[in-house]
């Protein structure tokens, strides 16, 4: 199967610079989309490669080969089953990328690469999947990472919640600090970067129909302020991402 290059996929006629695929043939996800055959490859090509194309995905191999320039790396994984998958301030795509980028940042690591596992329920709208893929693209650009490998599975209707995501991430550790809970010392100062519980309230307000609550999720990548602290010689003992 020949995939178009990122340059061929990009076009100025679309507001985002990347035109969405046509959803006429398969407006919803079917079980065949997860079988590893023609429809799976079509879904990868028309949705994920179109939105996330990079030099690592071009290989279309079973694993990505990533050059590492560090003595130590951080590695993390997380699964996202948020309901609803769209909420004020973001969606499950933003949340998956930001959550994994931030888990790497909590070790003081510079995020470089993500994997993306997608579990879809039969009947999920293909257009909604495209929107989530574009959210992943947007969050990846903000987080300075590339999705380098992935997987798609489909479960029977009624046995999922629309869409679940799993992301694993690799980051470079380029400092000598021992950042973690065991490094906390008596007398350490505690700094909170924002209010607590905003994301949870934003999701709950939509799920429970609390229409008088106007709160947006604060999901965002935190690697840049963390790396700035390290570069400026701040002695960090422990970091935690408390989005959820």
C-alpha atoms as a PDB file:
ATOM      1  CA  UNK A   1       0.000   0.000   0.000  1.00  0.00           C
ATOM      2  CA  UNK A   2       1.417   3.378  -1.017  1.00  0.00           C
ATOM      3  CA  UNK A   3       0.789   6.258   1.348  1.00  0.00           C
ATOM      4  CA  UNK A   4       0.877   9.877   0.317  1.00  0.00           C
ATOM      5  CA  UNK A   5       3.546  12.074   1.836  1.00  0.00           C
ATOM      6  CA  UNK A   6       2.599  14.699   4.443  1.00  0.00           C
ATOM      7  CA  UNK A   7       3.126  17.370   1.789  1.00  0.00           C
ATOM      8  CA  UNK A   8       0.700  15.644  -0.578  1.00  0.00           C
ATOM      9  CA  UNK A   9      -1.879  15.303   2.171  1.00  0.00           C
ATOM     10  CA  UNK A  10      -1.655  18.981   3.127  1.00  0.00           C
ATOM     11  CA  UNK A  11      -3.718  21.462   1.154  1.00  0.00           C
ATOM     12  CA  UNK A  12      -4.403  25.146   1.698  1.00  0.00           C
ATOM     13  CA  UNK A  13      -8.060  24.636   0.733  1.00  0.00           C
ATOM     14  CA  UNK A  14      -8.824  23.268   4.218  1.00  0.00           C
ATOM     15  CA  UNK A  15      -8.802  25.504   7.317  1.00  0.00           C
ATOM     16  CA  UNK A  16      -6.473  23.177   9.242  1.00  0.00           C
ATOM     17  CA  UNK A  17      -4.182  22.660   6.253  1.00  0.00           C
ATOM     18  CA  UNK A  18      -5.167  18.980   6.172  1.00  0.00           C
ATOM     19  CA  UNK A  19      -8.380  17.998   4.434  1.00  0.00           C
ATOM     20  CA  UNK A  20     -10.570  15.388   6.125  1.00  0.00           C
ATOM     21  CA  UNK A  21     -11.281  12.159   4.261  1.00  0.00           C
ATOM     22  CA  UNK A  22     -14.676  11.383   2.754  1.00  0.00           C
ATOM     23  CA  UNK A  23     -16.888   9.387   5.098  1.00  0.00           C
ATOM     24  CA  UNK A  24     -19.541   8.359   2.561  1.00  0.00           C
ATOM     25  CA  UNK A  25     -18.504   4.690   2.213  1.00  0.00           C
ATOM     26  CA  UNK A  26     -18.133   3.965   5.922  1.00  0.00           C
ATOM     27  CA  UNK A  27     -19.776   6.661   8.070  1.00  0.00           C
ATOM     28  CA  UNK A  28     -19.513   4.430  11.143  1.00  0.00           C
ATOM     29  CA  UNK A  29     -16.950   1.967  12.461  1.00  0.00           C
ATOM     30  CA  UNK A  30     -17.661  -1.700  11.749  1.00  0.00           C
ATOM     31  CA  UNK A  31     -16.093  -4.858  13.154  1.00  0.00           C
ATOM     32  CA  UNK A  32     -14.124  -5.248   9.910  1.00  0.00           C
ATOM     33  CA  UNK A  33     -12.203  -2.050  10.696  1.00  0.00           C
ATOM     34  CA  UNK A  34     -10.430  -3.910  13.507  1.00  0.00           C
ATOM     35  CA  UNK A  35      -9.648  -7.110  11.622  1.00  0.00           C
ATOM     36  CA  UNK A  36      -6.249  -6.123  10.248  1.00  0.00           C
ATOM     37  CA  UNK A  37      -7.352  -6.312   6.622  1.00  0.00           C
ATOM     38  CA  UNK A  38      -8.267  -3.860   3.886  1.00  0.00           C
ATOM     39  CA  UNK A  39     -10.600  -1.719   5.985  1.00  0.00           C
ATOM     40  CA  UNK A  40      -8.097  -1.499   8.838  1.00  0.00           C
ATOM     41  CA  UNK A  41      -5.425  -0.255   6.449  1.00  0.00           C
ATOM     42  CA  UNK A  42      -7.882   2.165   4.883  1.00  0.00           C
ATOM     43  CA  UNK A  43      -8.755   3.530   8.334  1.00  0.00           C
ATOM     44  CA  UNK A  44      -5.084   3.955   9.209  1.00  0.00           C
ATOM     45  CA  UNK A  45      -4.363   5.644   5.892  1.00  0.00           C
ATOM     46  CA  UNK A  46      -7.370   7.940   5.734  1.00  0.00           C
ATOM     47  CA  UNK A  47      -7.557   8.925   9.419  1.00  0.00           C
ATOM     48  CA  UNK A  48      -4.370   8.455  11.409  1.00  0.00           C
ATOM     49  CA  UNK A  49      -1.672   8.743   8.783  1.00  0.00           C
ATOM     50  CA  UNK A  50      -3.407  11.712   7.219  1.00  0.00           C
ATOM     51  CA  UNK A  51      -3.592  13.510  10.584  1.00  0.00           C
ATOM     52  CA  UNK A  52      -0.320  12.354  12.174  1.00  0.00           C
ATOM     53  CA  UNK A  53       2.058  11.675   9.268  1.00  0.00           C
ATOM     54  CA  UNK A  54       5.757  11.763  10.149  1.00  0.00           C
ATOM     55  CA  UNK A  55       8.990  10.037   9.160  1.00  0.00           C
ATOM     56  CA  UNK A  56       8.523   7.217  11.699  1.00  0.00           C
ATOM     57  CA  UNK A  57       5.039   6.274  10.521  1.00  0.00           C
ATOM     58  CA  UNK A  58       6.224   6.221   6.906  1.00  0.00           C
ATOM     59  CA  UNK A  59       8.060   2.931   7.578  1.00  0.00           C
ATOM     60  CA  UNK A  60       4.714   1.189   8.258  1.00  0.00           C
ATOM     61  CA  UNK A  61       6.617  -1.411  10.283  1.00  0.00           C
ATOM     62  CA  UNK A  62       5.632  -3.385  13.372  1.00  0.00           C
ATOM     63  CA  UNK A  63       7.797  -1.186  15.581  1.00  0.00           C
ATOM     64  CA  UNK A  64       9.331   2.267  15.327  1.00  0.00           C
ATOM     65  CA  UNK A  65      13.085   2.815  15.298  1.00  0.00           C
ATOM     66  CA  UNK A  66      13.883   5.957  17.295  1.00  0.00           C
ATOM     67  CA  UNK A  67      17.381   7.433  17.722  1.00  0.00           C
ATOM     68  CA  UNK A  68      18.017   8.212  21.397  1.00  0.00           C
ATOM     69  CA  UNK A  69      20.593  10.784  22.504  1.00  0.00           C
ATOM     70  CA  UNK A  70      20.533  10.440  26.281  1.00  0.00           C
ATOM     71  CA  UNK A  71      22.033   8.255  29.003  1.00  0.00           C
ATOM     72  CA  UNK A  72      18.609   7.745  30.539  1.00  0.00           C
ATOM     73  CA  UNK A  73      15.023   7.791  29.314  1.00  0.00           C
ATOM     74  CA  UNK A  74      11.636   8.062  30.987  1.00  0.00           C
ATOM     75  CA  UNK A  75       8.943   5.630  29.873  1.00  0.00           C
ATOM     76  CA  UNK A  76       5.263   5.751  30.813  1.00  0.00           C
ATOM     77  CA  UNK A  77       1.888   4.425  29.761  1.00  0.00           C
ATOM     78  CA  UNK A  78      -1.703   5.416  30.476  1.00  0.00           C
ATOM     79  CA  UNK A  79      -5.220   4.473  29.346  1.00  0.00           C
ATOM     80  CA  UNK A  80      -8.072   6.921  28.833  1.00  0.00           C
ATOM     81  CA  UNK A  81     -11.717   5.924  29.174  1.00  0.00           C
ATOM     82  CA  UNK A  82     -13.253   9.343  29.825  1.00  0.00           C
ATOM     83  CA  UNK A  83     -16.994   9.697  29.344  1.00  0.00           C
ATOM     84  CA  UNK A  84     -18.081  11.754  27.554  1.00  0.00           C
ATOM     85  CA  UNK A  85     -15.117  11.745  25.191  1.00  0.00           C
ATOM     86  CA  UNK A  86     -15.769  15.431  24.373  1.00  0.00           C
ATOM     87  CA  UNK A  87     -15.885  18.022  27.144  1.00  0.00           C
ATOM     88  CA  UNK A  88     -15.440  21.789  27.521  1.00  0.00           C
ATOM     89  CA  UNK A  89     -11.798  22.617  26.839  1.00  0.00           C
ATOM     90  CA  UNK A  90     -10.829  19.427  25.023  1.00  0.00           C
ATOM     91  CA  UNK A  91     -11.546  15.791  24.261  1.00  0.00           C
ATOM     92  CA  UNK A  92     -10.075  12.351  24.828  1.00  0.00           C
ATOM     93  CA  UNK A  93      -7.413  13.013  22.177  1.00  0.00           C
ATOM     94  CA  UNK A  94      -6.091  16.123  23.912  1.00  0.00           C
ATOM     95  CA  UNK A  95      -6.264  14.355  27.258  1.00  0.00           C
ATOM     96  CA  UNK A  96      -4.347  11.270  26.128  1.00  0.00           C
ATOM     97  CA  UNK A  97      -1.443  13.220  24.661  1.00  0.00           C
ATOM     98  CA  UNK A  98      -1.253  15.802  27.443  1.00  0.00           C
ATOM     99  CA  UNK A  99      -1.571  13.169  30.140  1.00  0.00           C
ATOM    100  CA  UNK A 100       1.318  11.140  28.765  1.00  0.00           C
ATOM    101  CA  UNK A 101       3.485  14.184  28.018  1.00  0.00           C
ATOM    102  CA  UNK A 102       2.924  15.350  31.589  1.00  0.00           C
ATOM    103  CA  UNK A 103       3.744  11.953  33.091  1.00  0.00           C
ATOM    104  CA  UNK A 104       7.094  12.172  31.302  1.00  0.00           C
ATOM    105  CA  UNK A 105       7.544  15.771  32.420  1.00  0.00           C
ATOM    106  CA  UNK A 106       7.071  14.688  36.049  1.00  0.00           C
ATOM    107  CA  UNK A 107      10.471  12.990  35.746  1.00  0.00           C
ATOM    108  CA  UNK A 108      11.927  16.126  34.224  1.00  0.00           C
ATOM    109  CA  UNK A 109      12.052  14.389  30.841  1.00  0.00           C
ATOM    110  CA  UNK A 110      11.816  15.973  27.418  1.00  0.00           C
ATOM    111  CA  UNK A 111       8.990  14.101  25.607  1.00  0.00           C
ATOM    112  CA  UNK A 112       9.913  12.805  22.157  1.00  0.00           C
ATOM    113  CA  UNK A 113       7.630   9.940  21.091  1.00  0.00           C
ATOM    114  CA  UNK A 114       4.251   8.371  21.764  1.00  0.00           C
ATOM    115  CA  UNK A 115       2.484   5.172  20.852  1.00  0.00           C
ATOM    116  CA  UNK A 116      -1.259   5.244  20.276  1.00  0.00           C
ATOM    117  CA  UNK A 117      -3.624   2.349  20.934  1.00  0.00           C
ATOM    118  CA  UNK A 118      -7.231   2.916  19.829  1.00  0.00           C
ATOM    119  CA  UNK A 119     -10.150   0.745  20.911  1.00  0.00           C
ATOM    120  CA  UNK A 120     -13.355   1.588  19.063  1.00  0.00           C
ATOM    121  CA  UNK A 121     -16.911   0.416  19.559  1.00  0.00           C
ATOM    122  CA  UNK A 122     -18.935  -0.683  16.552  1.00  0.00           C
ATOM    123  CA  UNK A 123     -21.121   2.198  15.443  1.00  0.00           C
ATOM    124  CA  UNK A 124     -18.720   4.960  16.422  1.00  0.00           C
ATOM    125  CA  UNK A 125     -18.898   7.762  13.858  1.00  0.00           C
ATOM    126  CA  UNK A 126     -15.903   7.870  11.537  1.00  0.00           C
ATOM    127  CA  UNK A 127     -16.115  11.664  11.377  1.00  0.00           C
ATOM    128  CA  UNK A 128     -15.805  11.820  15.172  1.00  0.00           C
ATOM    129  CA  UNK A 129     -12.720   9.611  14.961  1.00  0.00           C
ATOM    130  CA  UNK A 130     -11.215  12.077  12.494  1.00  0.00           C
ATOM    131  CA  UNK A 131     -11.907  14.961  14.882  1.00  0.00           C
ATOM    132  CA  UNK A 132     -10.169  13.088  17.701  1.00  0.00           C
ATOM    133  CA  UNK A 133      -7.206  12.294  15.436  1.00  0.00           C
ATOM    134  CA  UNK A 134      -6.881  16.002  14.681  1.00  0.00           C
ATOM    135  CA  UNK A 135      -7.021  16.745  18.424  1.00  0.00           C
ATOM    136  CA  UNK A 136      -4.172  14.273  18.893  1.00  0.00           C
ATOM    137  CA  UNK A 137      -2.265  16.073  16.142  1.00  0.00           C
ATOM    138  CA  UNK A 138      -2.820  19.465  17.786  1.00  0.00           C
ATOM    139  CA  UNK A 139      -1.804  18.234  21.235  1.00  0.00           C
ATOM    140  CA  UNK A 140       1.250  16.435  19.839  1.00  0.00           C
ATOM    141  CA  UNK A 141       2.476  19.616  18.173  1.00  0.00           C
ATOM    142  CA  UNK A 142       2.005  21.531  21.430  1.00  0.00           C
ATOM    143  CA  UNK A 143       3.723  18.775  23.399  1.00  0.00           C
ATOM    144  CA  UNK A 144       6.691  18.467  21.047  1.00  0.00           C
ATOM    145  CA  UNK A 145       6.125  14.748  20.445  1.00  0.00           C
ATOM    146  CA  UNK A 146       5.373  12.498  17.496  1.00  0.00           C
ATOM    147  CA  UNK A 147       3.087   9.495  17.393  1.00  0.00           C
ATOM    148  CA  UNK A 148       5.485   6.867  16.051  1.00  0.00           C
ATOM    149  CA  UNK A 149       3.489   3.630  16.269  1.00  0.00           C
ATOM    150  CA  UNK A 150      -0.003   2.449  17.097  1.00  0.00           C
ATOM    151  CA  UNK A 151      -2.759  -0.131  16.996  1.00  0.00           C
ATOM    152  CA  UNK A 152      -6.505  -0.281  16.316  1.00  0.00           C
ATOM    153  CA  UNK A 153      -9.057  -2.722  17.690  1.00  0.00           C
ATOM    154  CA  UNK A 154     -12.865  -2.788  17.452  1.00  0.00           C
ATOM    155  CA  UNK A 155     -15.220  -4.258  20.064  1.00  0.00           C
ATOM    156  CA  UNK A 156     -18.843  -5.252  19.584  1.00  0.00           C
ATOM    157  CA  UNK A 157     -21.581  -2.666  19.905  1.00  0.00           C
ATOM    158  CA  UNK A 158     -22.564  -2.273  23.546  1.00  0.00           C
ATOM    159  CA  UNK A 159     -19.226  -3.597  24.867  1.00  0.00           C
ATOM    160  CA  UNK A 160     -17.354  -0.312  24.866  1.00  0.00           C
ATOM    161  CA  UNK A 161     -18.007   3.357  25.449  1.00  0.00           C
ATOM    162  CA  UNK A 162     -17.409   4.722  21.973  1.00  0.00           C
ATOM    163  CA  UNK A 163     -13.665   5.093  22.107  1.00  0.00           C
ATOM    164  CA  UNK A 164     -10.830   4.259  24.489  1.00  0.00           C
ATOM    165  CA  UNK A 165      -7.225   5.344  24.015  1.00  0.00           C
ATOM    166  CA  UNK A 166      -3.931   4.045  25.372  1.00  0.00           C
ATOM    167  CA  UNK A 167      -0.762   6.055  24.987  1.00  0.00           C
ATOM    168  CA  UNK A 168       2.782   5.167  25.975  1.00  0.00           C
ATOM    169  CA  UNK A 169       5.539   7.754  25.892  1.00  0.00           C
ATOM    170  CA  UNK A 170       9.311   8.046  25.808  1.00  0.00           C
ATOM    171  CA  UNK A 171      11.197  11.096  27.046  1.00  0.00           C
ATOM    172  CA  UNK A 172      14.856  12.037  27.354  1.00  0.00           C
ATOM    173  CA  UNK A 173      16.277  12.693  30.832  1.00  0.00           C
ATOM    174  CA  UNK A 174      19.079  15.218  30.393  1.00  0.00           C
ATOM    175  CA  UNK A 175      19.722  16.189  34.007  1.00  0.00           C
ATOM    176  CA  UNK A 176      21.165  14.626  37.166  1.00  0.00           C
ATOM    177  CA  UNK A 177      18.261  15.340  39.507  1.00  0.00           C
ATOM    178  CA  UNK A 178      16.523  12.490  41.321  1.00  0.00           C
ATOM    179  CA  UNK A 179      12.935  13.656  40.913  1.00  0.00           C
ATOM    180  CA  UNK A 180      10.357  11.508  42.676  1.00  0.00           C
ATOM    181  CA  UNK A 181       8.345  10.926  45.871  1.00  0.00           C
ATOM    182  CA  UNK A 182      11.327   9.409  47.706  1.00  0.00           C
ATOM    183  CA  UNK A 183      13.293  12.627  47.227  1.00  0.00           C
ATOM    184  CA  UNK A 184      10.829  14.759  49.242  1.00  0.00           C
ATOM    185  CA  UNK A 185      12.418  16.355  52.308  1.00  0.00           C
ATOM    186  CA  UNK A 186      11.016  18.021  55.408  1.00  0.00           C
ATOM    187  CA  UNK A 187      10.710  21.752  54.779  1.00  0.00           C
ATOM    188  CA  UNK A 188      10.227  21.489  51.004  1.00  0.00           C
ATOM    189  CA  UNK A 189       7.997  24.160  49.490  1.00  0.00           C
ATOM    190  CA  UNK A 190       4.829  23.034  47.722  1.00  0.00           C
ATOM    191  CA  UNK A 191       3.886  24.879  44.531  1.00  0.00           C
ATOM    192  CA  UNK A 192       0.513  24.288  42.837  1.00  0.00           C
ATOM    193  CA  UNK A 193       0.397  25.446  39.226  1.00  0.00           C
ATOM    194  CA  UNK A 194      -3.378  25.946  39.139  1.00  0.00           C
ATOM    195  CA  UNK A 195      -6.661  25.190  40.821  1.00  0.00           C
ATOM    196  CA  UNK A 196      -7.391  21.558  41.676  1.00  0.00           C
ATOM    197  CA  UNK A 197     -10.258  19.576  40.181  1.00  0.00           C
ATOM    198  CA  UNK A 198     -11.041  21.771  37.165  1.00  0.00           C
ATOM    199  CA  UNK A 199     -10.769  18.944  34.642  1.00  0.00           C
ATOM    200  CA  UNK A 200     -12.904  16.597  36.705  1.00  0.00           C
ATOM    201  CA  UNK A 201     -15.631  19.205  37.148  1.00  0.00           C
ATOM    202  CA  UNK A 202     -15.626  20.005  33.414  1.00  0.00           C
ATOM    203  CA  UNK A 203     -16.190  16.340  32.547  1.00  0.00           C
ATOM    204  CA  UNK A 204     -18.713  15.768  35.338  1.00  0.00           C
ATOM    205  CA  UNK A 205     -20.732  18.834  34.348  1.00  0.00           C
ATOM    206  CA  UNK A 206     -21.300  17.425  30.861  1.00  0.00           C
ATOM    207  CA  UNK A 207     -21.847  13.839  32.003  1.00  0.00           C
ATOM    208  CA  UNK A 208     -24.354  14.756  34.702  1.00  0.00           C
ATOM    209  CA  UNK A 209     -26.065  17.537  32.751  1.00  0.00           C
ATOM    210  CA  UNK A 210     -25.017  20.390  35.060  1.00  0.00           C
ATOM    211  CA  UNK A 211     -25.669  23.075  32.463  1.00  0.00           C
ATOM    212  CA  UNK A 212     -25.319  25.946  34.940  1.00  0.00           C
ATOM    213  CA  UNK A 213     -21.671  24.995  35.503  1.00  0.00           C
ATOM    214  CA  UNK A 214     -19.385  26.816  33.064  1.00  0.00           C
ATOM    215  CA  UNK A 215     -15.972  25.237  33.646  1.00  0.00           C
ATOM    216  CA  UNK A 216     -13.434  24.241  30.987  1.00  0.00           C
ATOM    217  CA  UNK A 217     -10.826  21.523  31.406  1.00  0.00           C
ATOM    218  CA  UNK A 218      -7.312  22.802  32.047  1.00  0.00           C
ATOM    219  CA  UNK A 219      -5.684  19.923  30.175  1.00  0.00           C
ATOM    220  CA  UNK A 220      -2.367  21.209  28.776  1.00  0.00           C
ATOM    221  CA  UNK A 221       1.249  20.084  28.312  1.00  0.00           C
ATOM    222  CA  UNK A 222       3.535  21.015  31.218  1.00  0.00           C
ATOM    223  CA  UNK A 223       6.932  19.956  29.900  1.00  0.00           C
ATOM    224  CA  UNK A 224       8.108  23.446  28.956  1.00  0.00           C
ATOM    225  CA  UNK A 225       7.738  25.066  32.416  1.00  0.00           C
ATOM    226  CA  UNK A 226       9.275  21.974  34.050  1.00  0.00           C
ATOM    227  CA  UNK A 227      12.275  21.983  31.723  1.00  0.00           C
ATOM    228  CA  UNK A 228      12.639  25.743  32.266  1.00  0.00           C
ATOM    229  CA  UNK A 229      12.864  25.188  36.029  1.00  0.00           C
ATOM    230  CA  UNK A 230      15.566  22.561  35.546  1.00  0.00           C
ATOM    231  CA  UNK A 231      17.526  24.685  33.071  1.00  0.00           C
ATOM    232  CA  UNK A 232      17.507  27.576  35.567  1.00  0.00           C
ATOM    233  CA  UNK A 233      18.977  25.481  38.349  1.00  0.00           C
ATOM    234  CA  UNK A 234      15.894  25.004  40.513  1.00  0.00           C
ATOM    235  CA  UNK A 235      16.389  21.988  42.807  1.00  0.00           C
ATOM    236  CA  UNK A 236      13.214  20.013  42.188  1.00  0.00           C
ATOM    237  CA  UNK A 237      12.547  17.084  44.513  1.00  0.00           C
ATOM    238  CA  UNK A 238       9.175  15.802  43.290  1.00  0.00           C
ATOM    239  CA  UNK A 239       6.608  16.587  40.608  1.00  0.00           C
ATOM    240  CA  UNK A 240       3.062  15.262  40.237  1.00  0.00           C
ATOM    241  CA  UNK A 241       0.468  15.695  37.481  1.00  0.00           C
ATOM    242  CA  UNK A 242      -2.890  15.919  39.257  1.00  0.00           C
ATOM    243  CA  UNK A 243      -5.091  16.509  36.206  1.00  0.00           C
ATOM    244  CA  UNK A 244      -7.337  13.581  37.138  1.00  0.00           C
END
